[in-house]
Structure formats: C-alpha cells, structure tokens
Amino acid sequence: MAPKRPPRWYFSLRSPYSWFAYRDLTSDHPDVLEAIDWLPFWEPDEWTAKLLAQEGVTLPIVAMSRAKNFYILQDTRRLATDRGLDRISWPIDRDPCWEVAHLAWIAAEDEGRGKDFVAAAYRARWQDGKNISEPAVIAEIATELGLDAQRLSTAADDAELRGRGAELLAESAHDGLFGVPFFINGRDKYWGLDRVEPFVRAVRGAERPAAPAVGAPDPATHADLLPVGGDQGHAGGCG
C-alpha cells in the first residue's frame, strides 16, 4: 500500500486568490501553512507544454473571458480592502513567461528558501507592481534573500529545472487541479479562497470524514472523457 500523502496546497504566483489564501494562512493558521506541502502551478509556455505532451498530460487551462478578468480586478480590490490592504497594484502582464518566477521558486526551494521566495514574489507582484516574469526582478528577489541571483534569474533557461517543473505540473493534473488556490487533504479537495477554513479544519482533524473514493479516470491523461465547457471559475479561485 502506498503511503498516505500529506496535506498540500497548490499556489500560483500569478493568482490574486492564491496571494490572499497565502496571507490568510500566514496570519491566521501559520501552523497549518508550515505543516502542509507547497506545490506551484502556472500556465506553461511552449517548451514546458511540449514536455507535458510527451508524457500525455493535458492541463485543464481555458481562456479567461474579458468580463471575468474585469470581475477579478474588482473582486481583488474588494478582498484587499477587507484585509486592510490599502496598497495594492494590479500588474500588467504583457506576454508573461510564468516559468521565470515558478522555476526560480524550485531553485529557491532547493536552498530551503522556497517559502521566503513566495513571500517576496507576492510582495513584488501585488504590492510593488513589479513584473515577476522579468529575470531582473527575480534577481532582485534572490539578492534580497541572499540567494544566487544568477541561478534564480535564469531558472527558465535551465533544462533540469524545466523538467522538474513539468513534473510538478503533471502532478497537479493527476491530482485533479483545475484552478488555484487548490488544497488537498486525503481524498478531499478544496478549491478557492473561501475553502481555506474548511481545509484548515480538515487538516486539524475537525472536519467531517472524507467521502469514499469514487472510481474515475485520471484527469491528467483522460481529458477527452471530460465535458468541455467555458471557464467556470468562481470568486474564490482562478480557473
């Protein structure tokens, strides 16, 4: 029997809802945030997409409508105000390469500083208005943390880190991720900012028993069996 996997959360340095979930866990439930596994998710570029295709992995990524994009902008400011955040910037992402930041996280995690990198990257993106797809910004973060600025800022050019990043994205697909933030405890899955508290209760053992397992195809390799539809994200998560 395979060992039970620990509770985990999938975060994205792009997503405002992941940022809010991170802040809520940091301020209200730091013990849970410290105990769970952290796994990144991002929209892959062509290089990473080819690596995933070679493994037969399809990520559940759909285009976001203009209306939803404007809604998230409004909702982000509303949620920031609720949390007393009066200094927030909305980054303008022109042709972003999310590997730049997320593969840099892997390099930082190798040095035991992945969590510090997440904090700094979120601050740079959402409070300082910096473009975390720019290697120069990642170099600044690395220098701030006392890490190798050259390694982190060029992580997207590193074939070994690319391979590891593709493995993490494949893992997210096998876990059934379809949006962020995404939390898993045993068989139970929780999507969105409004599922932080139920996830915390589950990790602490105060939630209802897990639902029985239901036989279903692996979503990473059987996307063709699942119905196709529009972006069905809600206010608590990015789909």
C-alpha atoms as a PDB file:
ATOM      1  CA  MET A   1       0.000   0.000   0.000  1.00  0.00           C
ATOM      2  CA  ALA A   2       1.362   3.394  -0.974  1.00  0.00           C
ATOM      3  CA  PRO A   3       1.987   5.741   1.953  1.00  0.00           C
ATOM      4  CA  LYS A   4      -0.642   8.401   2.513  1.00  0.00           C
ATOM      5  CA  ARG A   5       0.360  11.705   1.004  1.00  0.00           C
ATOM      6  CA  PRO A   6       0.494  14.708   3.332  1.00  0.00           C
ATOM      7  CA  PRO A   7      -1.956  17.607   3.023  1.00  0.00           C
ATOM      8  CA  ARG A   8      -0.870  20.041   0.340  1.00  0.00           C
ATOM      9  CA  TRP A   9      -1.771  23.199  -1.448  1.00  0.00           C
ATOM     10  CA  TYR A  10      -1.182  24.363  -4.981  1.00  0.00           C
ATOM     11  CA  PHE A  11      -0.353  28.039  -5.254  1.00  0.00           C
ATOM     12  CA  SER A  12       0.321  30.326  -8.174  1.00  0.00           C
ATOM     13  CA  LEU A  13       2.442  33.449  -8.041  1.00  0.00           C
ATOM     14  CA  ARG A  14       0.183  34.867 -10.742  1.00  0.00           C
ATOM     15  CA  SER A  15      -3.121  34.486  -8.888  1.00  0.00           C
ATOM     16  CA  PRO A  16      -4.513  37.146  -6.536  1.00  0.00           C
ATOM     17  CA  TYR A  17      -6.644  34.487  -4.857  1.00  0.00           C
ATOM     18  CA  SER A  18      -3.561  32.405  -4.124  1.00  0.00           C
ATOM     19  CA  TRP A  19      -1.979  35.526  -2.666  1.00  0.00           C
ATOM     20  CA  PHE A  20      -4.965  36.151  -0.395  1.00  0.00           C
ATOM     21  CA  ALA A  21      -5.040  32.492   0.660  1.00  0.00           C
ATOM     22  CA  TYR A  22      -1.346  32.707   1.481  1.00  0.00           C
ATOM     23  CA  ARG A  23      -1.899  35.844   3.557  1.00  0.00           C
ATOM     24  CA  ASP A  24      -4.881  34.353   5.402  1.00  0.00           C
ATOM     25  CA  LEU A  25      -2.991  31.167   6.216  1.00  0.00           C
ATOM     26  CA  THR A  26       0.078  33.131   7.276  1.00  0.00           C
ATOM     27  CA  SER A  27      -1.848  35.418   9.607  1.00  0.00           C
ATOM     28  CA  ASP A  28      -4.491  33.038  10.959  1.00  0.00           C
ATOM     29  CA  HIS A  29      -3.149  29.499  10.557  1.00  0.00           C
ATOM     30  CA  PRO A  30       0.657  29.579  10.327  1.00  0.00           C
ATOM     31  CA  ASP A  31       0.914  26.109  11.856  1.00  0.00           C
ATOM     32  CA  VAL A  32      -1.104  24.610   9.012  1.00  0.00           C
ATOM     33  CA  LEU A  33       0.843  26.515   6.377  1.00  0.00           C
ATOM     34  CA  GLU A  34       4.060  25.221   7.893  1.00  0.00           C
ATOM     35  CA  ALA A  35       2.840  21.617   8.049  1.00  0.00           C
ATOM     36  CA  ILE A  36       1.496  21.176   4.521  1.00  0.00           C
ATOM     37  CA  ASP A  37       3.363  20.626   1.269  1.00  0.00           C
ATOM     38  CA  TRP A  38       3.661  23.552  -1.137  1.00  0.00           C
ATOM     39  CA  LEU A  39       3.344  22.901  -4.874  1.00  0.00           C
ATOM     40  CA  PRO A  40       3.358  25.544  -7.615  1.00  0.00           C
ATOM     41  CA  PHE A  41       1.037  25.800 -10.581  1.00  0.00           C
ATOM     42  CA  TRP A  42       1.304  28.048 -13.604  1.00  0.00           C
ATOM     43  CA  GLU A  43       0.291  28.255 -17.232  1.00  0.00           C
ATOM     44  CA  PRO A  44       3.120  26.608 -19.192  1.00  0.00           C
ATOM     45  CA  ASP A  45       4.905  28.129 -22.136  1.00  0.00           C
ATOM     46  CA  GLU A  46       5.604  26.217 -25.343  1.00  0.00           C
ATOM     47  CA  TRP A  47       8.733  24.485 -24.017  1.00  0.00           C
ATOM     48  CA  THR A  48       7.025  23.179 -20.893  1.00  0.00           C
ATOM     49  CA  ALA A  49       3.877  22.281 -22.835  1.00  0.00           C
ATOM     50  CA  LYS A  50       5.947  20.051 -25.115  1.00  0.00           C
ATOM     51  CA  LEU A  51       7.437  18.263 -22.103  1.00  0.00           C
ATOM     52  CA  LEU A  52       3.936  17.648 -20.760  1.00  0.00           C
ATOM     53  CA  ALA A  53       2.678  16.445 -24.134  1.00  0.00           C
ATOM     54  CA  GLN A  54       5.499  13.916 -24.288  1.00  0.00           C
ATOM     55  CA  GLU A  55       4.071  12.395 -21.106  1.00  0.00           C
ATOM     56  CA  GLY A  56       0.499  12.525 -22.370  1.00  0.00           C
ATOM     57  CA  VAL A  57      -0.503  15.155 -19.811  1.00  0.00           C
ATOM     58  CA  THR A  58      -3.178  17.750 -20.554  1.00  0.00           C
ATOM     59  CA  LEU A  59      -3.683  20.672 -18.194  1.00  0.00           C
ATOM     60  CA  PRO A  60      -7.240  21.993 -17.694  1.00  0.00           C
ATOM     61  CA  ILE A  61      -6.473  25.534 -18.847  1.00  0.00           C
ATOM     62  CA  VAL A  62      -9.164  27.586 -20.561  1.00  0.00           C
ATOM     63  CA  ALA A  63      -9.100  31.169 -21.761  1.00  0.00           C
ATOM     64  CA  MET A  64     -10.492  33.747 -19.344  1.00  0.00           C
ATOM     65  CA  SER A  65     -13.259  35.949 -20.666  1.00  0.00           C
ATOM     66  CA  ARG A  66     -12.866  39.715 -20.674  1.00  0.00           C
ATOM     67  CA  ALA A  67     -15.848  40.021 -18.328  1.00  0.00           C
ATOM     68  CA  LYS A  68     -14.318  37.650 -15.788  1.00  0.00           C
ATOM     69  CA  ASN A  69     -11.000  39.447 -15.999  1.00  0.00           C
ATOM     70  CA  PHE A  70     -12.686  42.732 -15.087  1.00  0.00           C
ATOM     71  CA  TYR A  71     -14.625  40.998 -12.320  1.00  0.00           C
ATOM     72  CA  ILE A  72     -11.438  39.601 -10.773  1.00  0.00           C
ATOM     73  CA  LEU A  73      -9.911  43.082 -10.865  1.00  0.00           C
ATOM     74  CA  GLN A  74     -12.895  44.450  -8.929  1.00  0.00           C
ATOM     75  CA  ASP A  75     -13.037  41.487  -6.578  1.00  0.00           C
ATOM     76  CA  THR A  76      -9.323  41.679  -5.816  1.00  0.00           C
ATOM     77  CA  ARG A  77      -9.630  45.276  -4.668  1.00  0.00           C
ATOM     78  CA  ARG A  78     -12.660  44.363  -2.576  1.00  0.00           C
ATOM     79  CA  LEU A  79     -10.849  41.469  -0.899  1.00  0.00           C
ATOM     80  CA  ALA A  80      -7.768  43.616  -0.347  1.00  0.00           C
ATOM     81  CA  THR A  81      -9.877  46.258   1.396  1.00  0.00           C
ATOM     82  CA  ASP A  82     -11.442  43.582   3.608  1.00  0.00           C
ATOM     83  CA  ARG A  83      -7.919  42.640   4.711  1.00  0.00           C
ATOM     84  CA  GLY A  84      -6.784  46.167   5.390  1.00  0.00           C
ATOM     85  CA  LEU A  85      -4.500  46.254   2.361  1.00  0.00           C
ATOM     86  CA  ASP A  86      -4.610  49.818   1.111  1.00  0.00           C
ATOM     87  CA  ARG A  87      -1.528  49.486  -1.080  1.00  0.00           C
ATOM     88  CA  ILE A  88      -2.132  47.046  -3.885  1.00  0.00           C
ATOM     89  CA  SER A  89      -1.139  47.229  -7.524  1.00  0.00           C
ATOM     90  CA  TRP A  90      -2.647  45.390 -10.463  1.00  0.00           C
ATOM     91  CA  PRO A  91       0.239  44.167 -12.597  1.00  0.00           C
ATOM     92  CA  ILE A  92       0.069  44.486 -16.359  1.00  0.00           C
ATOM     93  CA  ASP A  93       1.153  41.143 -17.800  1.00  0.00           C
ATOM     94  CA  ARG A  94       2.300  41.515 -21.391  1.00  0.00           C
ATOM     95  CA  ASP A  95       3.424  38.204 -22.876  1.00  0.00           C
ATOM     96  CA  PRO A  96       4.323  36.776 -19.461  1.00  0.00           C
ATOM     97  CA  CYS A  97       6.510  33.725 -19.043  1.00  0.00           C
ATOM     98  CA  TRP A  98       5.441  32.217 -15.742  1.00  0.00           C
ATOM     99  CA  GLU A  99       8.359  29.785 -15.760  1.00  0.00           C
ATOM    100  CA  VAL A 100      10.636  32.713 -14.877  1.00  0.00           C
ATOM    101  CA  ALA A 101       9.166  33.004 -11.381  1.00  0.00           C
ATOM    102  CA  HIS A 102       7.938  29.479 -10.730  1.00  0.00           C
ATOM    103  CA  LEU A 103      11.111  27.685 -11.783  1.00  0.00           C
ATOM    104  CA  ALA A 104      13.010  30.218  -9.684  1.00  0.00           C
ATOM    105  CA  TRP A 105      10.866  29.000  -6.781  1.00  0.00           C
ATOM    106  CA  ILE A 106      12.191  25.478  -7.358  1.00  0.00           C
ATOM    107  CA  ALA A 107      15.749  26.816  -7.215  1.00  0.00           C
ATOM    108  CA  ALA A 108      14.940  28.701  -4.007  1.00  0.00           C
ATOM    109  CA  GLU A 109      13.263  25.627  -2.531  1.00  0.00           C
ATOM    110  CA  ASP A 110      16.453  23.672  -3.208  1.00  0.00           C
ATOM    111  CA  GLU A 111      18.148  26.093  -0.818  1.00  0.00           C
ATOM    112  CA  GLY A 112      15.409  25.765   1.796  1.00  0.00           C
ATOM    113  CA  ARG A 113      14.050  29.228   0.989  1.00  0.00           C
ATOM    114  CA  GLY A 114      11.013  28.442  -1.121  1.00  0.00           C
ATOM    115  CA  LYS A 115       8.559  29.940   1.353  1.00  0.00           C
ATOM    116  CA  ASP A 116      10.610  33.105   1.670  1.00  0.00           C
ATOM    117  CA  PHE A 117      10.698  33.361  -2.110  1.00  0.00           C
ATOM    118  CA  VAL A 118       6.908  33.084  -2.313  1.00  0.00           C
ATOM    119  CA  ALA A 119       6.501  35.889   0.232  1.00  0.00           C
ATOM    120  CA  ALA A 120       8.917  38.128  -1.655  1.00  0.00           C
ATOM    121  CA  ALA A 121       7.433  37.346  -5.080  1.00  0.00           C
ATOM    122  CA  TYR A 122       3.882  38.030  -3.913  1.00  0.00           C
ATOM    123  CA  ARG A 123       5.000  41.322  -2.379  1.00  0.00           C
ATOM    124  CA  ALA A 124       6.843  42.296  -5.552  1.00  0.00           C
ATOM    125  CA  ARG A 125       3.873  41.489  -7.777  1.00  0.00           C
ATOM    126  CA  TRP A 126       0.867  42.610  -5.778  1.00  0.00           C
ATOM    127  CA  GLN A 127       2.224  45.397  -3.607  1.00  0.00           C
ATOM    128  CA  ASP A 128       5.163  46.806  -5.552  1.00  0.00           C
ATOM    129  CA  GLY A 129       3.692  46.380  -9.031  1.00  0.00           C
ATOM    130  CA  LYS A 130       6.739  44.572 -10.403  1.00  0.00           C
ATOM    131  CA  ASN A 131       6.716  42.138 -13.306  1.00  0.00           C
ATOM    132  CA  ILE A 132       7.846  38.799 -11.905  1.00  0.00           C
ATOM    133  CA  SER A 133       8.254  37.479 -15.444  1.00  0.00           C
ATOM    134  CA  GLU A 134      11.306  39.713 -15.777  1.00  0.00           C
ATOM    135  CA  PRO A 135      14.561  37.964 -14.820  1.00  0.00           C
ATOM    136  CA  ALA A 136      15.860  41.245 -13.370  1.00  0.00           C
ATOM    137  CA  VAL A 137      13.026  41.261 -10.832  1.00  0.00           C
ATOM    138  CA  ILE A 138      13.801  37.673  -9.851  1.00  0.00           C
ATOM    139  CA  ALA A 139      17.459  38.633  -9.473  1.00  0.00           C
ATOM    140  CA  GLU A 140      16.406  41.416  -7.083  1.00  0.00           C
ATOM    141  CA  ILE A 141      14.376  38.960  -5.026  1.00  0.00           C
ATOM    142  CA  ALA A 142      17.251  36.481  -4.939  1.00  0.00           C
ATOM    143  CA  THR A 143      19.664  39.173  -3.793  1.00  0.00           C
ATOM    144  CA  GLU A 144      17.204  40.264  -1.106  1.00  0.00           C
ATOM    145  CA  LEU A 145      17.083  36.675   0.171  1.00  0.00           C
ATOM    146  CA  GLY A 146      20.820  36.114  -0.081  1.00  0.00           C
ATOM    147  CA  LEU A 147      20.410  33.510  -2.829  1.00  0.00           C
ATOM    148  CA  ASP A 148      22.256  33.011  -6.101  1.00  0.00           C
ATOM    149  CA  ALA A 149      20.783  35.735  -8.307  1.00  0.00           C
ATOM    150  CA  GLN A 150      22.214  34.237 -11.484  1.00  0.00           C
ATOM    151  CA  ARG A 151      20.729  30.788 -10.848  1.00  0.00           C
ATOM    152  CA  LEU A 152      17.296  32.072  -9.898  1.00  0.00           C
ATOM    153  CA  SER A 153      17.008  34.707 -12.613  1.00  0.00           C
ATOM    154  CA  THR A 154      17.959  32.208 -15.343  1.00  0.00           C
ATOM    155  CA  ALA A 155      15.944  29.285 -13.981  1.00  0.00           C
ATOM    156  CA  ALA A 156      13.655  29.317 -17.029  1.00  0.00           C
ATOM    157  CA  ASP A 157      16.682  28.576 -19.217  1.00  0.00           C
ATOM    158  CA  ASP A 158      17.751  25.560 -17.159  1.00  0.00           C
ATOM    159  CA  ALA A 159      16.727  22.272 -18.782  1.00  0.00           C
ATOM    160  CA  GLU A 160      16.912  20.359 -15.496  1.00  0.00           C
ATOM    161  CA  LEU A 161      14.627  22.840 -13.730  1.00  0.00           C
ATOM    162  CA  ARG A 162      12.316  22.757 -16.744  1.00  0.00           C
ATOM    163  CA  GLY A 163      11.990  19.017 -16.395  1.00  0.00           C
ATOM    164  CA  ARG A 164      11.260  19.254 -12.693  1.00  0.00           C
ATOM    165  CA  GLY A 165       8.724  21.984 -13.328  1.00  0.00           C
ATOM    166  CA  ALA A 166       6.932  19.839 -15.887  1.00  0.00           C
ATOM    167  CA  GLU A 167       6.827  17.004 -13.346  1.00  0.00           C
ATOM    168  CA  LEU A 168       5.159  19.320 -10.823  1.00  0.00           C
ATOM    169  CA  LEU A 169       2.568  20.425 -13.360  1.00  0.00           C
ATOM    170  CA  ALA A 170       1.920  16.799 -14.273  1.00  0.00           C
ATOM    171  CA  GLU A 171       1.423  16.053 -10.583  1.00  0.00           C
ATOM    172  CA  SER A 172      -1.152  18.841 -10.385  1.00  0.00           C
ATOM    173  CA  ALA A 173      -3.038  17.308 -13.295  1.00  0.00           C
ATOM    174  CA  HIS A 174      -3.011  13.851 -11.700  1.00  0.00           C
ATOM    175  CA  ASP A 175      -4.313  15.498  -8.508  1.00  0.00           C
ATOM    176  CA  GLY A 176      -7.255  16.879 -10.474  1.00  0.00           C
ATOM    177  CA  LEU A 177      -6.364  20.544 -10.136  1.00  0.00           C
ATOM    178  CA  PHE A 178      -8.471  22.895 -12.246  1.00  0.00           C
ATOM    179  CA  GLY A 179      -7.839  26.238 -10.552  1.00  0.00           C
ATOM    180  CA  VAL A 180      -5.930  27.914  -7.742  1.00  0.00           C
ATOM    181  CA  PRO A 181      -5.630  28.019  -4.825  1.00  0.00           C
ATOM    182  CA  PHE A 182      -6.240  24.290  -4.595  1.00  0.00           C
ATOM    183  CA  PHE A 183      -5.984  22.282  -1.380  1.00  0.00           C
ATOM    184  CA  ILE A 184      -5.945  18.527  -0.837  1.00  0.00           C
ATOM    185  CA  ASN A 185      -6.302  16.547   2.368  1.00  0.00           C
ATOM    186  CA  GLY A 186      -6.538  12.814   1.814  1.00  0.00           C
ATOM    187  CA  ARG A 187      -9.263  12.313  -0.787  1.00  0.00           C
ATOM    188  CA  ASP A 188     -10.901  15.663  -0.118  1.00  0.00           C
ATOM    189  CA  LYS A 189     -10.190  18.600  -2.393  1.00  0.00           C
ATOM    190  CA  TYR A 190     -10.880  22.264  -1.773  1.00  0.00           C
ATOM    191  CA  TRP A 191     -10.796  24.982  -4.409  1.00  0.00           C
ATOM    192  CA  GLY A 192     -10.752  28.690  -3.856  1.00  0.00           C
ATOM    193  CA  LEU A 193     -10.158  31.291  -1.202  1.00  0.00           C
ATOM    194  CA  ASP A 194     -13.455  30.514   0.502  1.00  0.00           C
ATOM    195  CA  ARG A 195     -12.301  26.925   1.097  1.00  0.00           C
ATOM    196  CA  VAL A 196      -9.307  27.869   3.233  1.00  0.00           C
ATOM    197  CA  GLU A 197     -11.169  27.460   6.524  1.00  0.00           C
ATOM    198  CA  PRO A 198     -12.720  24.045   5.711  1.00  0.00           C
ATOM    199  CA  PHE A 199      -9.289  22.837   4.601  1.00  0.00           C
ATOM    200  CA  VAL A 200      -7.715  24.060   7.833  1.00  0.00           C
ATOM    201  CA  ARG A 201     -10.369  22.251   9.869  1.00  0.00           C
ATOM    202  CA  ALA A 202      -9.771  19.074   7.876  1.00  0.00           C
ATOM    203  CA  VAL A 203      -6.019  19.215   8.410  1.00  0.00           C
ATOM    204  CA  ARG A 204      -6.585  19.696  12.125  1.00  0.00           C
ATOM    205  CA  GLY A 205      -8.979  16.768  12.210  1.00  0.00           C
ATOM    206  CA  ALA A 206     -12.082  18.815  12.900  1.00  0.00           C
ATOM    207  CA  GLU A 207     -13.776  18.290   9.546  1.00  0.00           C
ATOM    208  CA  ARG A 208     -16.285  15.613   8.553  1.00  0.00           C
ATOM    209  CA  PRO A 209     -14.852  12.231   7.443  1.00  0.00           C
ATOM    210  CA  ALA A 210     -13.572  12.080   3.896  1.00  0.00           C
ATOM    211  CA  ALA A 211     -16.004  10.959   1.235  1.00  0.00           C
ATOM    212  CA  PRO A 212     -15.447   7.446  -0.104  1.00  0.00           C
ATOM    213  CA  ALA A 213     -13.275   7.137  -3.176  1.00  0.00           C
ATOM    214  CA  VAL A 214     -15.135   7.196  -6.474  1.00  0.00           C
ATOM    215  CA  GLY A 215     -13.700   5.425  -9.497  1.00  0.00           C
ATOM    216  CA  ALA A 216     -12.830   7.995 -12.138  1.00  0.00           C
ATOM    217  CA  PRO A 217     -10.335   8.340 -14.973  1.00  0.00           C
ATOM    218  CA  ASP A 218      -7.085  10.142 -14.304  1.00  0.00           C
ATOM    219  CA  PRO A 219      -7.844  13.753 -15.330  1.00  0.00           C
ATOM    220  CA  ALA A 220      -4.262  14.267 -16.487  1.00  0.00           C
ATOM    221  CA  THR A 221      -4.426  11.651 -19.227  1.00  0.00           C
ATOM    222  CA  HIS A 222      -8.159  11.337 -19.945  1.00  0.00           C
ATOM    223  CA  ALA A 223      -9.157  14.936 -20.575  1.00  0.00           C
ATOM    224  CA  ASP A 224     -11.007  13.740 -23.676  1.00  0.00           C
ATOM    225  CA  LEU A 225     -13.518  11.914 -21.461  1.00  0.00           C
ATOM    226  CA  LEU A 226     -14.474  15.048 -19.554  1.00  0.00           C
ATOM    227  CA  PRO A 227     -17.101  17.515 -20.813  1.00  0.00           C
ATOM    228  CA  VAL A 228     -15.729  20.684 -22.355  1.00  0.00           C
ATOM    229  CA  GLY A 229     -17.185  23.991 -21.237  1.00  0.00           C
ATOM    230  CA  GLY A 230     -16.385  27.599 -20.614  1.00  0.00           C
ATOM    231  CA  ASP A 231     -14.340  28.962 -17.748  1.00  0.00           C
ATOM    232  CA  GLN A 232     -16.490  28.127 -14.721  1.00  0.00           C
ATOM    233  CA  GLY A 233     -14.290  29.786 -12.111  1.00  0.00           C
ATOM    234  CA  HIS A 234     -15.889  31.477  -9.127  1.00  0.00           C
ATOM    235  CA  ALA A 235     -14.936  34.434  -6.984  1.00  0.00           C
ATOM    236  CA  GLY A 236     -12.731  32.408  -4.700  1.00  0.00           C
ATOM    237  CA  GLY A 237     -10.318  30.979  -7.221  1.00  0.00           C
ATOM    238  CA  CYS A 238      -8.714  31.370 -10.599  1.00  0.00           C
ATOM    239  CA  GLY A 239      -9.734  28.716 -13.076  1.00  0.00           C
END
